[in-house]
Protein backbone atom coordinates (compact mmCIF):
# COMPACT_ATOMS: atom_id res chain seq x y z
CA MET A 1 55.74 -7.96 -1.48
CA ARG A 2 54.56 -5.67 1.28
CA PRO A 3 54.77 -1.98 2.21
CA LEU A 4 57.77 -1.02 4.33
CA ARG A 5 57.95 1.58 7.09
CA LEU A 6 61.10 3.65 6.61
CA ALA A 7 63.55 5.14 9.08
CA ALA A 8 64.36 8.84 8.89
CA ASN A 9 67.02 9.72 6.31
CA THR A 10 68.30 13.25 7.01
CA PRO A 11 71.52 14.09 5.16
CA ARG A 12 73.25 17.27 6.28
CA SER A 13 72.30 20.37 4.31
CA PHE A 14 73.49 23.98 3.95
CA TYR A 15 70.46 25.62 5.59
CA ARG A 16 68.86 25.29 9.00
CA GLY A 17 65.76 23.48 10.13
CA THR A 18 63.85 23.79 13.39
CA GLY A 19 63.85 20.12 14.44
CA ARG A 20 60.31 19.79 13.11
CA ILE A 21 61.08 16.65 11.10
CA HIS A 22 62.48 14.80 14.09
CA ARG A 23 59.58 15.85 16.31
CA PHE A 24 57.13 14.82 13.57
CA ARG A 25 58.83 11.44 13.37
CA GLY A 26 58.97 11.02 17.16
CA LEU A 27 62.78 11.21 17.28
CA PRO A 28 65.22 13.21 19.43
CA VAL A 29 66.07 16.57 17.88
CA PRO A 30 69.79 16.72 16.97
CA ASP A 31 71.98 19.52 18.29
CA ASP A 32 73.06 20.23 14.71
CA ALA A 33 70.27 22.28 13.05
CA PHE A 34 71.51 21.51 9.53
CA HIS A 35 69.30 18.45 9.02
CA PRO A 36 66.15 20.13 7.60
CA GLU A 37 65.24 17.41 5.08
CA ASP A 38 64.17 13.77 5.21
CA TRP A 39 64.82 12.02 1.88
CA VAL A 40 62.06 9.41 1.80
CA ALA A 41 62.44 6.17 -0.20
CA SER A 42 65.39 7.82 -1.93
CA THR A 43 67.40 6.24 -4.75
CA THR A 44 69.02 9.66 -5.33
CA ALA A 45 72.30 10.71 -3.75
CA ARG A 46 73.19 14.19 -2.55
CA TYR A 47 75.00 16.17 -5.29
CA ARG A 48 78.72 15.33 -5.18
CA SER A 49 78.22 13.56 -1.84
CA ALA A 50 77.16 9.98 -2.59
CA PRO A 51 76.08 7.83 -0.83
CA ALA A 52 74.54 10.57 1.35
CA GLY A 53 70.82 10.81 0.59
CA LEU A 54 70.28 7.17 -0.34
CA THR A 55 67.70 5.25 1.68
CA VAL A 56 69.14 2.25 3.51
CA LEU A 57 66.71 -0.51 4.47
CA ASP A 58 66.79 -2.55 7.68
CA GLU A 59 68.78 -5.31 5.98
CA GLY A 60 71.62 -2.85 5.26
CA ARG A 61 71.10 -2.68 1.50
CA THR A 62 70.05 0.52 -0.19
CA LEU A 63 66.60 0.81 -1.71
CA ALA A 64 68.33 1.39 -5.06
CA GLU A 65 70.06 -1.98 -4.77
CA GLU A 66 66.79 -3.71 -3.90
CA MET A 67 65.05 -2.15 -6.90
CA ALA A 68 67.88 -3.10 -9.23
CA ALA A 69 67.62 -6.72 -8.06
CA GLU A 70 63.84 -6.97 -8.56
CA PRO A 71 62.75 -3.99 -10.65
CA GLU A 72 59.44 -5.34 -11.94
CA ARG A 73 58.27 -6.40 -8.48
CA TRP A 74 59.13 -2.97 -7.12
CA LEU A 75 58.03 -0.78 -10.01
CA GLY A 76 55.91 -2.81 -12.42
CA ARG A 77 56.69 -4.13 -15.89
CA GLU A 78 55.41 -1.09 -17.81
CA HIS A 79 57.35 1.34 -15.66
CA VAL A 80 60.59 -0.63 -16.02
CA ALA A 81 60.14 -0.91 -19.78
CA ARG A 82 59.96 2.88 -20.04
CA TYR A 83 62.20 4.16 -17.24
CA GLY A 84 64.36 1.22 -16.18
CA PRO A 85 64.87 0.25 -12.50
CA ASP A 86 64.37 3.84 -11.39
CA PRO A 87 61.28 5.10 -9.54
CA GLY A 88 61.51 8.45 -11.34
CA ILE A 89 60.69 10.48 -8.20
CA LEU A 90 62.25 11.67 -4.97
CA VAL A 91 60.08 12.52 -1.98
CA LYS A 92 61.24 14.74 0.88
CA LEU A 93 60.02 16.23 4.11
CA LEU A 94 61.34 19.79 4.31
CA ASP A 95 61.52 21.99 7.43
CA ALA A 96 62.50 25.58 6.61
CA GLY A 97 64.06 27.09 9.71
CA GLU A 98 65.20 30.08 7.66
CA ARG A 99 64.47 31.47 4.23
CA LEU A 100 66.10 29.26 1.65
CA PRO A 101 68.25 31.03 -0.95
CA LEU A 102 66.61 32.02 -4.20
CA HIS A 103 67.49 29.21 -6.57
CA VAL A 104 66.53 27.43 -9.78
CA HIS A 105 66.50 23.84 -10.99
CA PRO A 106 67.40 22.93 -14.58
CA ASP A 107 64.87 21.30 -16.89
CA ARG A 108 65.38 18.00 -18.68
CA ARG A 109 66.73 19.53 -21.86
CA PHE A 110 69.39 21.48 -19.95
CA ALA A 111 70.21 18.44 -17.78
CA ARG A 112 70.67 16.16 -20.80
CA ARG A 113 72.93 18.67 -22.51
CA HIS A 114 75.06 19.81 -19.58
CA LEU A 115 74.67 17.30 -16.73
CA ALA A 116 74.40 13.91 -18.47
CA SER A 117 71.04 13.25 -16.81
CA PRO A 118 67.64 12.34 -18.28
CA TYR A 119 66.02 14.23 -15.40
CA GLY A 120 65.90 17.89 -14.49
CA LYS A 121 64.21 18.93 -11.29
CA THR A 122 60.61 19.97 -11.57
CA GLU A 123 59.18 19.73 -8.06
CA ALA A 124 55.95 20.34 -6.16
CA TRP A 125 55.04 21.09 -2.57
CA VAL A 126 52.22 20.05 -0.26
CA ILE A 127 52.17 22.37 2.74
CA VAL A 128 51.80 20.35 5.95
CA ASP A 129 52.05 23.32 8.30
CA ALA A 130 53.07 26.99 8.12
CA VAL A 131 53.39 29.97 10.43
CA PRO A 132 50.83 32.77 9.94
CA ASP A 133 51.58 34.87 6.85
CA ALA A 134 54.15 32.36 5.59
CA VAL A 135 55.39 33.17 2.09
CA VAL A 136 57.29 31.60 -0.75
CA HIS A 137 58.97 33.41 -3.62
CA LEU A 138 57.82 32.15 -7.03
CA GLY A 139 59.13 33.50 -10.33
CA PHE A 140 59.95 37.04 -11.33
CA ALA A 141 57.07 39.51 -11.35
CA ARG A 142 58.50 41.21 -14.47
CA ASP A 143 60.80 40.31 -17.30
CA VAL A 144 64.43 40.34 -16.19
CA GLU A 145 67.19 40.99 -18.72
CA PRO A 146 70.18 38.60 -18.82
CA ASP A 147 72.68 41.31 -17.81
CA GLU A 148 70.47 42.37 -14.91
CA LEU A 149 70.27 38.84 -13.52
CA THR A 150 74.00 38.29 -14.01
CA GLY A 151 74.73 41.56 -12.22
CA TRP A 152 72.56 40.66 -9.24
CA VAL A 153 74.22 37.27 -8.91
CA ARG A 154 77.80 38.43 -9.55
CA THR A 155 77.64 41.30 -7.04
CA GLU A 156 75.36 39.45 -4.59
CA GLN A 157 72.58 42.05 -4.71
CA VAL A 158 70.03 39.91 -2.91
CA ALA A 159 67.54 42.66 -1.97
CA PRO A 160 66.70 43.89 -5.51
CA MET A 161 66.62 40.34 -6.81
CA LEU A 162 64.13 39.23 -4.15
CA ALA A 163 62.11 42.42 -4.69
CA ALA A 164 61.67 41.39 -8.32
CA THR A 165 60.03 38.08 -7.37
CA ASN A 166 56.42 37.28 -6.53
CA ARG A 167 55.74 36.82 -2.81
CA VAL A 168 53.01 34.19 -2.48
CA ARG A 169 51.30 33.36 0.81
CA VAL A 170 50.86 29.69 1.63
CA ARG A 171 48.99 27.85 4.34
CA ARG A 172 48.35 24.29 5.47
CA GLY A 173 46.87 22.12 2.73
CA ASP A 174 48.12 24.16 -0.24
CA ALA A 175 49.67 22.26 -3.15
CA VAL A 176 52.02 24.12 -5.50
CA LEU A 177 53.81 22.98 -8.65
CA VAL A 178 57.29 24.49 -9.20
CA PRO A 179 58.38 23.94 -12.82
CA ALA A 180 62.06 23.57 -13.61
CA GLY A 181 63.60 26.94 -14.43
CA LEU A 182 61.33 28.92 -12.07
CA PRO A 183 63.27 31.00 -9.50
CA HIS A 184 61.93 30.18 -6.06
CA ALA A 185 62.65 30.28 -2.34
CA ILE A 186 60.76 28.77 0.60
CA GLY A 187 60.24 31.16 3.51
CA PRO A 188 60.88 30.35 7.18
CA GLY A 189 58.33 28.49 9.25
CA ILE A 190 57.08 26.21 6.47
CA PHE A 191 56.92 22.42 6.79
CA LEU A 192 56.09 20.53 3.62
CA VAL A 193 56.12 17.31 1.65
CA GLU A 194 58.00 17.71 -1.61
CA VAL A 195 57.86 15.41 -4.62
CA GLN A 196 60.35 16.00 -7.42
CA GLU A 197 62.32 14.52 -10.24
CA PRO A 198 65.10 12.31 -8.82
CA THR A 199 68.09 14.67 -8.94
CA ASP A 200 69.85 17.07 -6.60
CA PHE A 201 70.49 19.80 -9.19
CA SER A 202 70.19 23.38 -7.92
CA VAL A 203 71.60 26.65 -9.25
CA LEU A 204 71.85 29.13 -6.39
CA LEU A 205 71.20 32.77 -7.27
CA GLU A 206 72.46 33.87 -3.85
CA ARG A 207 75.04 32.44 -1.45
CA GLN A 208 75.31 35.06 1.31
CA GLY A 209 75.07 33.30 4.66
CA PHE A 210 75.06 29.82 3.13
CA ALA A 211 78.12 27.54 3.13
CA VAL A 212 77.99 26.57 -0.55
CA SER A 213 81.01 26.75 -2.83
CA GLU A 214 80.80 28.64 -6.10
CA SER A 215 81.38 25.43 -8.05
CA SER A 216 78.54 23.62 -6.28
CA ALA A 217 76.24 26.65 -6.59
CA TYR A 218 76.64 26.50 -10.38
CA LEU A 219 76.75 22.69 -10.74
CA GLY A 220 80.36 22.87 -11.91
CA LEU A 221 79.32 24.69 -15.07
CA GLY A 222 80.42 28.24 -14.28
CA ARG A 223 78.08 31.10 -13.51
CA ASP A 224 77.12 32.20 -17.02
CA ALA A 225 76.44 28.67 -18.27
CA ALA A 226 74.39 27.81 -15.17
CA LEU A 227 72.27 30.97 -15.37
CA ALA A 228 71.11 29.92 -18.83
CA CYS A 229 68.63 27.56 -17.12
CA VAL A 230 66.78 30.43 -15.38
CA ASP A 231 63.28 31.42 -16.49
CA ARG A 232 63.61 35.22 -16.57
CA GLY A 233 60.09 35.84 -17.86
CA ALA A 234 57.30 37.56 -15.95
CA TRP A 235 54.95 35.36 -13.94
CA THR A 236 51.56 37.03 -13.69
CA ASP A 237 48.91 36.25 -11.08
CA GLY A 238 47.11 34.08 -13.63
CA ARG A 239 50.20 32.02 -14.42
CA LEU A 240 50.92 31.57 -10.74
CA ALA A 241 47.34 30.46 -10.09
CA ASP A 242 47.77 27.74 -12.70
CA LEU A 243 50.55 26.19 -10.61
CA SER A 244 48.04 25.23 -7.93
CA ARG A 245 44.89 24.75 -10.00
CA ALA A 246 44.00 21.06 -10.23
CA ARG A 247 41.27 19.93 -12.60
CA ARG A 248 38.05 20.48 -10.69
CA ALA A 249 36.30 17.47 -12.20
CA ALA A 250 39.16 15.16 -11.24
CA ARG A 251 39.89 16.26 -7.68
CA GLN A 252 38.09 13.28 -6.15
CA VAL A 253 39.63 10.49 -8.22
CA ARG A 254 38.61 7.51 -6.06
CA GLN A 255 36.94 6.96 -2.73
CA GLY A 256 38.89 8.92 -0.10
CA VAL A 257 41.50 10.04 -2.67
CA GLU A 258 41.95 13.64 -3.84
CA ARG A 259 44.19 14.75 -6.70
CA LEU A 260 46.59 17.53 -5.67
CA PHE A 261 48.53 18.94 -8.63
CA PRO A 262 47.50 20.53 -11.95
CA GLU A 263 47.85 18.75 -15.29
CA GLN A 264 51.28 20.25 -15.95
CA ALA A 265 52.70 17.90 -13.30
CA ASP A 266 51.47 14.72 -14.97
CA GLU A 267 54.60 14.07 -17.08
CA PHE A 268 56.75 14.22 -13.94
CA PHE A 269 54.82 12.82 -10.96
CA ALA A 270 51.50 12.81 -9.13
CA ALA A 271 50.35 13.23 -5.55
CA GLU A 272 47.13 12.41 -3.77
CA ARG A 273 45.68 13.47 -0.45
CA LEU A 274 44.21 10.46 1.36
CA ARG A 275 41.29 11.02 3.73
CA PRO A 276 39.53 7.72 4.39
CA ALA A 277 35.76 7.95 4.05
CA PRO A 278 35.68 5.34 5.59
CA VAL A 279 38.51 4.01 3.36
CA SER A 280 40.92 5.39 0.79
CA ASP A 281 41.07 3.06 -2.21
CA LEU A 282 44.70 2.61 -3.33
CA ASP A 283 45.15 1.28 -6.84
CA GLN A 284 48.20 -0.81 -7.66
CA GLY A 285 51.47 1.02 -8.24
CA PHE A 286 54.74 2.03 -6.66
CA SER A 287 54.19 4.89 -4.22
CA VAL A 288 55.54 6.73 -1.20
CA VAL A 289 53.06 7.54 1.56
CA VAL A 290 53.60 10.16 4.27
CA MET A 291 51.24 9.99 7.23
CA VAL A 292 50.41 13.62 8.05
CA SER A 293 48.03 13.23 10.99
CA GLY A 294 45.96 10.72 12.92
CA HIS A 295 46.37 6.96 12.98
CA GLY A 296 44.92 3.90 11.30
CA SER A 297 45.95 0.95 9.15
CA LEU A 298 47.30 0.30 5.68
CA ARG A 299 45.94 -2.97 4.31
CA TYR A 300 47.35 -4.99 1.41
CA ALA A 301 47.16 -8.66 0.42
CA GLU A 302 50.24 -9.52 2.50
CA GLY A 303 48.72 -8.11 5.68
CA THR A 304 47.96 -4.97 7.65
CA LEU A 305 50.46 -2.31 8.71
CA PRO A 306 49.46 -0.02 11.61
CA VAL A 307 50.28 3.60 10.73
CA THR A 308 50.39 6.86 12.63
CA ALA A 309 51.35 10.50 12.05
CA GLY A 310 55.03 10.83 11.17
CA ASP A 311 55.31 7.44 9.46
CA THR A 312 56.76 7.23 5.95
CA ILE A 313 55.92 4.14 3.91
CA VAL A 314 57.25 2.83 0.59
CA VAL A 315 54.76 0.63 -1.29
CA PRO A 316 56.10 -1.69 -4.01
CA PHE A 317 54.11 -2.38 -7.17
CA GLY A 318 54.06 -6.04 -6.16
CA ALA A 319 51.98 -5.27 -3.08
CA GLY A 320 48.93 -4.95 -5.36
CA ARG A 321 45.84 -2.92 -4.47
CA GLY A 322 45.31 -1.67 -0.95
CA GLU A 323 43.24 0.51 1.30
CA LEU A 324 43.86 2.99 4.06
CA ARG A 325 41.52 3.12 7.06
CA GLY A 326 41.32 5.30 10.12
CA ASP A 327 40.90 8.86 11.34
CA LEU A 328 43.89 10.26 9.48
CA GLU A 329 45.32 12.22 6.57
CA ALA A 330 48.16 11.11 4.33
CA ILE A 331 49.98 12.23 1.17
CA ARG A 332 50.64 9.58 -1.48
CA CYS A 333 53.35 10.41 -4.04
CA ARG A 334 53.65 8.51 -7.34
CA PRO A 335 55.76 8.47 -10.51
CA ALA A 336 54.40 9.65 -13.82
CA PRO A 337 52.35 6.94 -15.55
CA ALA A 338 54.35 4.69 -17.87
CA ALA A 339 51.61 4.41 -20.49
């Protein structure tokens, strides 16, 4: 098996982008601004909108169908034994042309109980580019009582709700873990790679200005039931710092490969920054690679694939070990280990 270069996969969304994804990928920018995400190597469908979101390969079959036909070649025997024919991650490019609504993703316990899913939606971001003074909102800065949160949401009091959150500056190169349950919103002017659990579950705490129905905003559960998944506790500066603090001793894990996320991410996914020096050593395993800048080559046993900024690559387990060469930077996203 060999790595595959993927076409853009930009299902329509409820918020605006700036055309950054299409420019990054070397494609014409659509007139419709509501395509701010590229779902890369996706076996996950948009919530209530299947098959939107699923990656379709050149042969016309979805990636999910290909994996189901040959799961061990795509994902490896140990992974399939633990997770089945499911990669366990979803990777996106995200182009925030406006501030996203404050929202929350359920954790696995909530998803099993209410949504019939083994996955919640812990996610993490790698900032590819950001305007000066770009900010994200992460968690509440103080404890919020249940009635207070319900009141904000019911009466659409966006200003006091946002004022209660932590405003965190981000810049190019930052990597941030966003645990399930944490209220968050991405500010305008941020372009990032996101890796997450493979669901499209979001509970919106605000809907003003966004074309989202009440049922969809609360995952069909009703407001009070959906708000039970929100972490209302205070997130101090120390707790927030832990979301981007990788283990210092493990940052350089192999030649040309840097670990990006803290240990809390390990049960969900992993990501690596690849900067060949002169190569990045890629151990065997299913992965999704986003070429951030530069150009070079991705070499595996089946041959060499030229790569350049804007490319997205899916690498099957069956491709074996590989190496990346060139004057470039890439982000490699991987499932949690099966062992």
